[in-house]
Amino acid sequence: MYNDLVKSAIRVFLALVILTAACPAFGQISIVVSKTSPHKPTEADLKNFFSGTKFSWENGATVMILDQSSLKMTDQFYKNFLGQTTRKMRKIWTRLVLSGQAKAPHKCKDTPEVKKMLGENPNAVGFIYTSELDDSLVELVRVEFK
């Protein structure tokens, strides 16, 4: 009986190790552009884009901000990258849109839509879980969850 208990405990431990190793990137979000994008913004540029204090790339083209519909991912992104709540960021963007200073971030329903929009617009920038990166994207910054 003792051996069976030890074997069961070892199986549970190994399963947890395997699951943890398979999903580490769900603790990270990557800010991305298409690999065809000519833009190489700094982290400071990205913070300014997503916080609504800068709207153009260095070449003068308007930045297209891609936002995620997933409230969980969006909350994690804004909290850990900008130190703000999603609610506060939406208030900021609403004020900018209503005052005519900016266009609202484009809301994507999921990561495949983010990837599609990035592929179609070289001036777009978005965020996805790091585990969903592929060779069509360039990771600009990796955001760790706290």
N, C-alpha and C. Protein backbone atom coordinates (compact mmCIF):
# COMPACT_ATOMS: atom_id res chain seq x y z
N MET A 1 0.81 -1.19 0.00
CA MET A 1 0.00 0.00 0.00
C MET A 1 0.86 1.26 0.00
N TYR A 2 1.91 1.26 0.80
CA TYR A 2 2.82 2.42 0.85
C TYR A 2 3.43 2.66 -0.52
N ASN A 3 3.84 1.60 -1.23
CA ASN A 3 4.43 1.75 -2.56
C ASN A 3 3.43 2.34 -3.56
N ASP A 4 2.17 1.91 -3.45
CA ASP A 4 1.14 2.46 -4.34
C ASP A 4 0.94 3.96 -4.08
N LEU A 5 0.98 4.35 -2.83
CA LEU A 5 0.82 5.76 -2.47
C LEU A 5 1.99 6.58 -3.00
N VAL A 6 3.19 6.08 -2.86
CA VAL A 6 4.39 6.77 -3.37
C VAL A 6 4.32 6.87 -4.90
N LYS A 7 3.94 5.78 -5.57
CA LYS A 7 3.83 5.81 -7.03
C LYS A 7 2.79 6.84 -7.49
N SER A 8 1.67 6.91 -6.79
CA SER A 8 0.63 7.89 -7.14
C SER A 8 1.13 9.31 -6.94
N ALA A 9 1.82 9.54 -5.85
CA ALA A 9 2.37 10.88 -5.57
C ALA A 9 3.39 11.27 -6.64
N ILE A 10 4.21 10.34 -7.05
CA ILE A 10 5.21 10.61 -8.09
C ILE A 10 4.51 10.93 -9.41
N ARG A 11 3.46 10.20 -9.75
CA ARG A 11 2.72 10.47 -10.99
C ARG A 11 2.11 11.87 -10.98
N VAL A 12 1.50 12.24 -9.86
CA VAL A 12 0.90 13.57 -9.75
C VAL A 12 1.98 14.64 -9.87
N PHE A 13 3.10 14.44 -9.20
CA PHE A 13 4.20 15.40 -9.27
C PHE A 13 4.72 15.54 -10.69
N LEU A 14 4.93 14.43 -11.39
CA LEU A 14 5.42 14.48 -12.77
C LEU A 14 4.41 15.14 -13.69
N ALA A 15 3.13 14.89 -13.49
CA ALA A 15 2.11 15.53 -14.31
C ALA A 15 2.13 17.05 -14.11
N LEU A 16 2.28 17.48 -12.88
CA LEU A 16 2.37 18.92 -12.60
C LEU A 16 3.62 19.54 -13.22
N VAL A 17 4.73 18.85 -13.16
CA VAL A 17 5.97 19.34 -13.77
C VAL A 17 5.80 19.48 -15.27
N ILE A 18 5.20 18.48 -15.90
CA ILE A 18 4.99 18.51 -17.35
C ILE A 18 4.04 19.65 -17.72
N LEU A 19 2.94 19.82 -17.00
CA LEU A 19 2.00 20.89 -17.30
C LEU A 19 2.64 22.25 -17.10
N THR A 20 3.41 22.42 -16.06
CA THR A 20 4.07 23.69 -15.80
C THR A 20 5.09 24.00 -16.89
N ALA A 21 5.84 23.02 -17.32
CA ALA A 21 6.84 23.22 -18.37
C ALA A 21 6.19 23.52 -19.71
N ALA A 22 5.02 22.95 -19.95
CA ALA A 22 4.35 23.14 -21.24
C ALA A 22 3.69 24.51 -21.37
N CYS A 23 3.42 25.20 -20.27
CA CYS A 23 2.66 26.45 -20.32
C CYS A 23 3.34 27.65 -19.69
N PRO A 24 4.67 27.76 -19.71
CA PRO A 24 5.27 28.90 -19.03
C PRO A 24 4.97 30.23 -19.70
N ALA A 25 4.71 30.23 -21.00
CA ALA A 25 4.52 31.48 -21.71
C ALA A 25 3.16 32.11 -21.44
N PHE A 26 2.24 31.41 -20.77
CA PHE A 26 0.99 32.04 -20.42
C PHE A 26 1.18 33.01 -19.27
N GLY A 27 2.39 33.14 -18.76
CA GLY A 27 2.73 34.16 -17.78
C GLY A 27 3.42 35.33 -18.45
N GLN A 28 3.34 35.37 -19.78
CA GLN A 28 4.02 36.42 -20.53
C GLN A 28 3.14 36.86 -21.70
N ILE A 29 3.24 38.13 -22.00
CA ILE A 29 2.57 38.69 -23.17
C ILE A 29 3.64 39.35 -24.02
N SER A 30 3.55 39.17 -25.32
CA SER A 30 4.50 39.79 -26.25
C SER A 30 3.83 40.90 -27.03
N ILE A 31 4.50 42.04 -27.13
CA ILE A 31 4.06 43.11 -28.00
C ILE A 31 4.71 42.84 -29.35
N VAL A 32 3.89 42.85 -30.40
CA VAL A 32 4.35 42.37 -31.69
C VAL A 32 3.95 43.28 -32.84
N VAL A 33 4.74 43.17 -33.92
CA VAL A 33 4.40 43.72 -35.22
C VAL A 33 4.61 42.59 -36.23
N SER A 34 4.13 42.82 -37.44
CA SER A 34 4.36 41.86 -38.51
C SER A 34 5.84 41.85 -38.87
N LYS A 35 6.32 40.70 -39.32
CA LYS A 35 7.74 40.65 -39.71
C LYS A 35 8.00 41.51 -40.94
N THR A 36 6.95 41.91 -41.66
CA THR A 36 7.12 42.81 -42.81
C THR A 36 7.07 44.28 -42.41
N SER A 37 6.80 44.56 -41.15
CA SER A 37 6.74 45.95 -40.68
C SER A 37 8.13 46.57 -40.69
N PRO A 38 8.26 47.79 -41.17
CA PRO A 38 9.55 48.47 -41.17
C PRO A 38 9.89 49.10 -39.82
N HIS A 39 8.97 49.06 -38.87
CA HIS A 39 9.12 49.79 -37.61
C HIS A 39 9.83 48.98 -36.53
N LYS A 40 10.71 49.67 -35.81
CA LYS A 40 11.44 49.07 -34.69
C LYS A 40 11.36 50.01 -33.49
N PRO A 41 10.18 50.13 -32.89
CA PRO A 41 10.02 51.08 -31.78
C PRO A 41 10.73 50.62 -30.51
N THR A 42 11.06 51.59 -29.69
CA THR A 42 11.64 51.30 -28.38
C THR A 42 10.50 50.95 -27.41
N GLU A 43 10.86 50.47 -26.25
CA GLU A 43 9.85 50.18 -25.23
C GLU A 43 9.14 51.47 -24.83
N ALA A 44 9.88 52.56 -24.76
CA ALA A 44 9.27 53.85 -24.42
C ALA A 44 8.25 54.26 -25.49
N ASP A 45 8.58 54.07 -26.77
CA ASP A 45 7.63 54.36 -27.84
C ASP A 45 6.36 53.55 -27.65
N LEU A 46 6.52 52.25 -27.38
CA LEU A 46 5.36 51.38 -27.21
C LEU A 46 4.49 51.82 -26.04
N LYS A 47 5.11 52.21 -24.95
CA LYS A 47 4.34 52.70 -23.80
C LYS A 47 3.56 53.95 -24.20
N ASN A 48 4.19 54.83 -24.97
CA ASN A 48 3.50 56.04 -25.42
C ASN A 48 2.36 55.72 -26.38
N PHE A 49 2.56 54.76 -27.28
CA PHE A 49 1.50 54.36 -28.20
C PHE A 49 0.29 53.82 -27.44
N PHE A 50 0.54 52.84 -26.56
CA PHE A 50 -0.57 52.18 -25.87
C PHE A 50 -1.22 53.08 -24.82
N SER A 51 -0.50 54.05 -24.30
CA SER A 51 -1.08 54.96 -23.31
C SER A 51 -1.76 56.17 -23.95
N GLY A 52 -1.64 56.30 -25.28
CA GLY A 52 -2.31 57.39 -25.97
C GLY A 52 -1.61 58.72 -25.89
N THR A 53 -0.29 58.71 -25.76
CA THR A 53 0.45 59.98 -25.75
C THR A 53 1.29 60.17 -27.01
N LYS A 54 1.34 59.16 -27.86
CA LYS A 54 2.04 59.25 -29.14
C LYS A 54 1.23 58.46 -30.15
N PHE A 55 1.08 59.00 -31.37
CA PHE A 55 0.17 58.40 -32.33
C PHE A 55 0.81 58.06 -33.67
N SER A 56 2.07 58.45 -33.87
CA SER A 56 2.72 58.25 -35.18
C SER A 56 4.07 57.56 -35.03
N TRP A 57 4.40 56.78 -36.07
CA TRP A 57 5.72 56.19 -36.16
C TRP A 57 6.71 57.29 -36.55
N GLU A 58 7.99 56.97 -36.49
CA GLU A 58 9.02 57.95 -36.83
C GLU A 58 8.86 58.50 -38.24
N ASN A 59 8.33 57.69 -39.17
CA ASN A 59 8.16 58.15 -40.55
C ASN A 59 6.88 58.95 -40.76
N GLY A 60 6.12 59.21 -39.70
CA GLY A 60 4.90 60.00 -39.78
C GLY A 60 3.63 59.19 -39.97
N ALA A 61 3.74 57.91 -40.26
CA ALA A 61 2.56 57.06 -40.44
C ALA A 61 1.83 56.89 -39.10
N THR A 62 0.50 56.85 -39.17
CA THR A 62 -0.31 56.69 -37.96
C THR A 62 -0.20 55.25 -37.45
N VAL A 63 0.01 55.13 -36.16
CA VAL A 63 0.07 53.81 -35.51
C VAL A 63 -1.34 53.26 -35.38
N MET A 64 -1.51 52.00 -35.74
CA MET A 64 -2.78 51.31 -35.53
C MET A 64 -2.60 50.40 -34.32
N ILE A 65 -3.26 50.74 -33.22
CA ILE A 65 -3.19 49.95 -31.99
C ILE A 65 -4.22 48.83 -32.07
N LEU A 66 -3.77 47.60 -31.84
CA LEU A 66 -4.67 46.45 -31.81
C LEU A 66 -4.86 46.02 -30.37
N ASP A 67 -6.08 45.96 -29.96
CA ASP A 67 -6.44 45.57 -28.60
C ASP A 67 -7.10 44.19 -28.65
N GLN A 68 -7.06 43.48 -27.55
CA GLN A 68 -7.65 42.15 -27.46
C GLN A 68 -9.01 42.22 -26.79
N SER A 69 -9.95 41.37 -27.22
CA SER A 69 -11.26 41.28 -26.57
C SER A 69 -11.18 40.55 -25.23
N SER A 70 -10.18 39.68 -25.09
CA SER A 70 -10.02 38.93 -23.85
C SER A 70 -9.72 39.90 -22.70
N LEU A 71 -10.69 40.06 -21.80
CA LEU A 71 -10.51 40.98 -20.69
C LEU A 71 -9.36 40.54 -19.79
N LYS A 72 -9.20 39.24 -19.62
CA LYS A 72 -8.11 38.74 -18.78
C LYS A 72 -6.75 39.16 -19.35
N MET A 73 -6.55 38.93 -20.66
CA MET A 73 -5.28 39.28 -21.27
C MET A 73 -5.07 40.80 -21.27
N THR A 74 -6.12 41.53 -21.58
CA THR A 74 -6.02 42.99 -21.62
C THR A 74 -5.69 43.54 -20.24
N ASP A 75 -6.36 43.03 -19.21
CA ASP A 75 -6.06 43.46 -17.84
C ASP A 75 -4.61 43.19 -17.48
N GLN A 76 -4.14 41.99 -17.81
CA GLN A 76 -2.75 41.63 -17.52
C GLN A 76 -1.78 42.55 -18.26
N PHE A 77 -2.09 42.82 -19.51
CA PHE A 77 -1.21 43.67 -20.32
C PHE A 77 -1.11 45.08 -19.74
N TYR A 78 -2.24 45.74 -19.56
CA TYR A 78 -2.21 47.12 -19.09
C TYR A 78 -1.63 47.23 -17.67
N LYS A 79 -1.96 46.28 -16.82
CA LYS A 79 -1.43 46.32 -15.45
C LYS A 79 0.09 46.16 -15.44
N ASN A 80 0.59 45.19 -16.20
CA ASN A 80 2.01 44.87 -16.13
C ASN A 80 2.88 45.69 -17.07
N PHE A 81 2.33 46.23 -18.13
CA PHE A 81 3.14 47.04 -19.06
C PHE A 81 3.04 48.53 -18.76
N LEU A 82 1.83 48.99 -18.45
CA LEU A 82 1.65 50.42 -18.21
C LEU A 82 1.38 50.76 -16.74
N GLY A 83 1.14 49.74 -15.92
CA GLY A 83 0.82 50.02 -14.52
C GLY A 83 -0.55 50.65 -14.35
N GLN A 84 -1.47 50.37 -15.29
CA GLN A 84 -2.81 50.96 -15.28
C GLN A 84 -3.86 49.87 -15.36
N THR A 85 -5.07 50.22 -15.00
CA THR A 85 -6.18 49.29 -15.17
C THR A 85 -6.74 49.45 -16.58
N THR A 86 -7.40 48.41 -17.04
CA THR A 86 -8.05 48.48 -18.35
C THR A 86 -9.11 49.58 -18.33
N ARG A 87 -9.83 49.68 -17.25
CA ARG A 87 -10.87 50.70 -17.13
C ARG A 87 -10.29 52.11 -17.30
N LYS A 88 -9.17 52.37 -16.65
CA LYS A 88 -8.56 53.70 -16.77
C LYS A 88 -8.08 53.94 -18.20
N MET A 89 -7.48 52.93 -18.83
CA MET A 89 -7.01 53.10 -20.20
C MET A 89 -8.17 53.33 -21.16
N ARG A 90 -9.27 52.67 -20.94
CA ARG A 90 -10.45 52.89 -21.81
C ARG A 90 -10.99 54.30 -21.63
N LYS A 91 -10.96 54.84 -20.42
CA LYS A 91 -11.39 56.22 -20.19
C LYS A 91 -10.46 57.19 -20.94
N ILE A 92 -9.17 56.93 -20.86
CA ILE A 92 -8.20 57.79 -21.56
C ILE A 92 -8.46 57.77 -23.06
N TRP A 93 -8.62 56.56 -23.63
CA TRP A 93 -8.85 56.45 -25.06
C TRP A 93 -10.20 57.05 -25.46
N THR A 94 -11.22 56.90 -24.65
CA THR A 94 -12.52 57.50 -24.96
C THR A 94 -12.39 59.02 -25.03
N ARG A 95 -11.68 59.60 -24.08
CA ARG A 95 -11.46 61.05 -24.07
C ARG A 95 -10.71 61.49 -25.34
N LEU A 96 -9.68 60.73 -25.71
CA LEU A 96 -8.90 61.07 -26.91
C LEU A 96 -9.75 60.99 -28.17
N VAL A 97 -10.58 59.95 -28.25
CA VAL A 97 -11.44 59.78 -29.44
C VAL A 97 -12.49 60.89 -29.50
N LEU A 98 -13.15 61.16 -28.39
CA LEU A 98 -14.22 62.17 -28.37
C LEU A 98 -13.69 63.58 -28.63
N SER A 99 -12.43 63.82 -28.26
CA SER A 99 -11.84 65.13 -28.51
C SER A 99 -11.24 65.24 -29.91
N GLY A 100 -11.27 64.13 -30.67
CA GLY A 100 -10.75 64.15 -32.03
C GLY A 100 -9.24 64.01 -32.13
N GLN A 101 -8.59 63.70 -31.02
CA GLN A 101 -7.13 63.60 -31.01
C GLN A 101 -6.61 62.26 -31.53
N ALA A 102 -7.45 61.23 -31.48
CA ALA A 102 -6.97 59.88 -31.85
C ALA A 102 -8.12 59.01 -32.31
N LYS A 103 -7.77 57.93 -32.99
CA LYS A 103 -8.73 56.88 -33.31
C LYS A 103 -8.61 55.82 -32.23
N ALA A 104 -9.73 55.21 -31.90
CA ALA A 104 -9.74 54.17 -30.87
C ALA A 104 -8.91 52.97 -31.31
N PRO A 105 -8.29 52.27 -30.35
CA PRO A 105 -7.63 51.02 -30.70
C PRO A 105 -8.62 50.07 -31.36
N HIS A 106 -8.14 49.32 -32.32
CA HIS A 106 -8.98 48.34 -33.02
C HIS A 106 -9.13 47.10 -32.13
N LYS A 107 -10.35 46.76 -31.78
CA LYS A 107 -10.62 45.61 -30.91
C LYS A 107 -10.64 44.34 -31.75
N CYS A 108 -9.72 43.42 -31.45
CA CYS A 108 -9.67 42.13 -32.14
C CYS A 108 -10.32 41.07 -31.27
N LYS A 109 -11.06 40.16 -31.88
CA LYS A 109 -11.79 39.17 -31.09
C LYS A 109 -10.88 38.10 -30.50
N ASP A 110 -9.71 37.87 -31.14
CA ASP A 110 -8.80 36.84 -30.65
C ASP A 110 -7.42 37.01 -31.29
N THR A 111 -6.48 36.16 -30.90
CA THR A 111 -5.12 36.25 -31.42
C THR A 111 -5.04 36.02 -32.93
N PRO A 112 -5.77 35.06 -33.51
CA PRO A 112 -5.71 34.94 -34.97
C PRO A 112 -6.11 36.24 -35.69
N GLU A 113 -7.07 36.96 -35.14
CA GLU A 113 -7.45 38.23 -35.77
C GLU A 113 -6.33 39.26 -35.60
N VAL A 114 -5.66 39.28 -34.45
CA VAL A 114 -4.52 40.19 -34.26
C VAL A 114 -3.47 39.89 -35.33
N LYS A 115 -3.14 38.61 -35.50
CA LYS A 115 -2.13 38.23 -36.49
C LYS A 115 -2.56 38.64 -37.90
N LYS A 116 -3.83 38.46 -38.22
CA LYS A 116 -4.35 38.84 -39.54
C LYS A 116 -4.21 40.34 -39.75
N MET A 117 -4.63 41.13 -38.76
CA MET A 117 -4.55 42.59 -38.87
C MET A 117 -3.11 43.07 -38.98
N LEU A 118 -2.21 42.44 -38.23
CA LEU A 118 -0.79 42.81 -38.32
C LEU A 118 -0.26 42.53 -39.73
N GLY A 119 -0.66 41.39 -40.29
CA GLY A 119 -0.22 41.04 -41.63
C GLY A 119 -0.74 41.99 -42.70
N GLU A 120 -1.90 42.56 -42.46
CA GLU A 120 -2.53 43.46 -43.43
C GLU A 120 -2.10 44.91 -43.27
N ASN A 121 -1.54 45.28 -42.12
CA ASN A 121 -1.20 46.68 -41.88
C ASN A 121 0.19 46.79 -41.24
N PRO A 122 1.18 47.22 -42.00
CA PRO A 122 2.54 47.32 -41.45
C PRO A 122 2.69 48.39 -40.36
N ASN A 123 1.66 49.23 -40.19
CA ASN A 123 1.70 50.26 -39.15
C ASN A 123 0.98 49.84 -37.87
N ALA A 124 0.53 48.58 -37.83
CA ALA A 124 -0.20 48.07 -36.67
C ALA A 124 0.76 47.46 -35.65
N VAL A 125 0.36 47.56 -34.39
CA VAL A 125 1.09 46.93 -33.29
C VAL A 125 0.06 46.37 -32.33
N GLY A 126 0.33 45.16 -31.81
CA GLY A 126 -0.61 44.53 -30.91
C GLY A 126 0.09 43.69 -29.87
N PHE A 127 -0.71 42.95 -29.10
CA PHE A 127 -0.13 42.07 -28.08
C PHE A 127 -0.86 40.74 -28.07
N ILE A 128 -0.09 39.69 -27.78
CA ILE A 128 -0.61 38.32 -27.72
C ILE A 128 0.14 37.59 -26.61
N TYR A 129 -0.39 36.43 -26.21
CA TYR A 129 0.38 35.60 -25.29
C TYR A 129 1.64 35.13 -26.01
N THR A 130 2.75 35.13 -25.31
CA THR A 130 4.03 34.74 -25.89
C THR A 130 3.98 33.33 -26.48
N SER A 131 3.21 32.47 -25.89
CA SER A 131 3.10 31.09 -26.39
C SER A 131 2.51 31.03 -27.79
N GLU A 132 1.89 32.11 -28.24
CA GLU A 132 1.24 32.12 -29.55
C GLU A 132 2.08 32.82 -30.64
N LEU A 133 3.32 33.14 -30.31
CA LEU A 133 4.23 33.73 -31.31
C LEU A 133 4.47 32.74 -32.44
N ASP A 134 4.64 33.26 -33.64
CA ASP A 134 5.05 32.42 -34.77
C ASP A 134 5.98 33.24 -35.67
N ASP A 135 6.42 32.63 -36.77
CA ASP A 135 7.43 33.29 -37.60
C ASP A 135 6.87 34.42 -38.47
N SER A 136 5.57 34.72 -38.37
CA SER A 136 5.01 35.85 -39.11
C SER A 136 5.13 37.15 -38.31
N LEU A 137 5.60 37.04 -37.06
CA LEU A 137 5.64 38.18 -36.15
C LEU A 137 7.05 38.49 -35.67
N VAL A 138 7.23 39.74 -35.26
CA VAL A 138 8.46 40.16 -34.59
C VAL A 138 8.07 40.59 -33.18
N GLU A 139 8.69 39.96 -32.20
CA GLU A 139 8.45 40.33 -30.81
C GLU A 139 9.28 41.57 -30.48
N LEU A 140 8.61 42.62 -30.03
CA LEU A 140 9.30 43.86 -29.69
C LEU A 140 9.65 43.93 -28.20
N VAL A 141 8.71 43.52 -27.37
CA VAL A 141 8.91 43.53 -25.92
C VAL A 141 8.13 42.36 -25.34
N ARG A 142 8.70 41.73 -24.34
CA ARG A 142 8.02 40.66 -23.60
C ARG A 142 7.64 41.22 -22.23
N VAL A 143 6.37 41.10 -21.91
CA VAL A 143 5.83 41.62 -20.65
C VAL A 143 5.61 40.44 -19.71
N GLU A 144 6.30 40.46 -18.58
CA GLU A 144 6.16 39.42 -17.56
C GLU A 144 5.03 39.78 -16.61
N PHE A 145 4.26 38.79 -16.18
CA PHE A 145 3.21 39.05 -15.19
C PHE A 145 3.86 39.12 -13.83
N LYS A 146 3.35 40.00 -13.01
CA LYS A 146 3.86 40.15 -11.64
C LYS A 146 2.95 39.42 -10.68
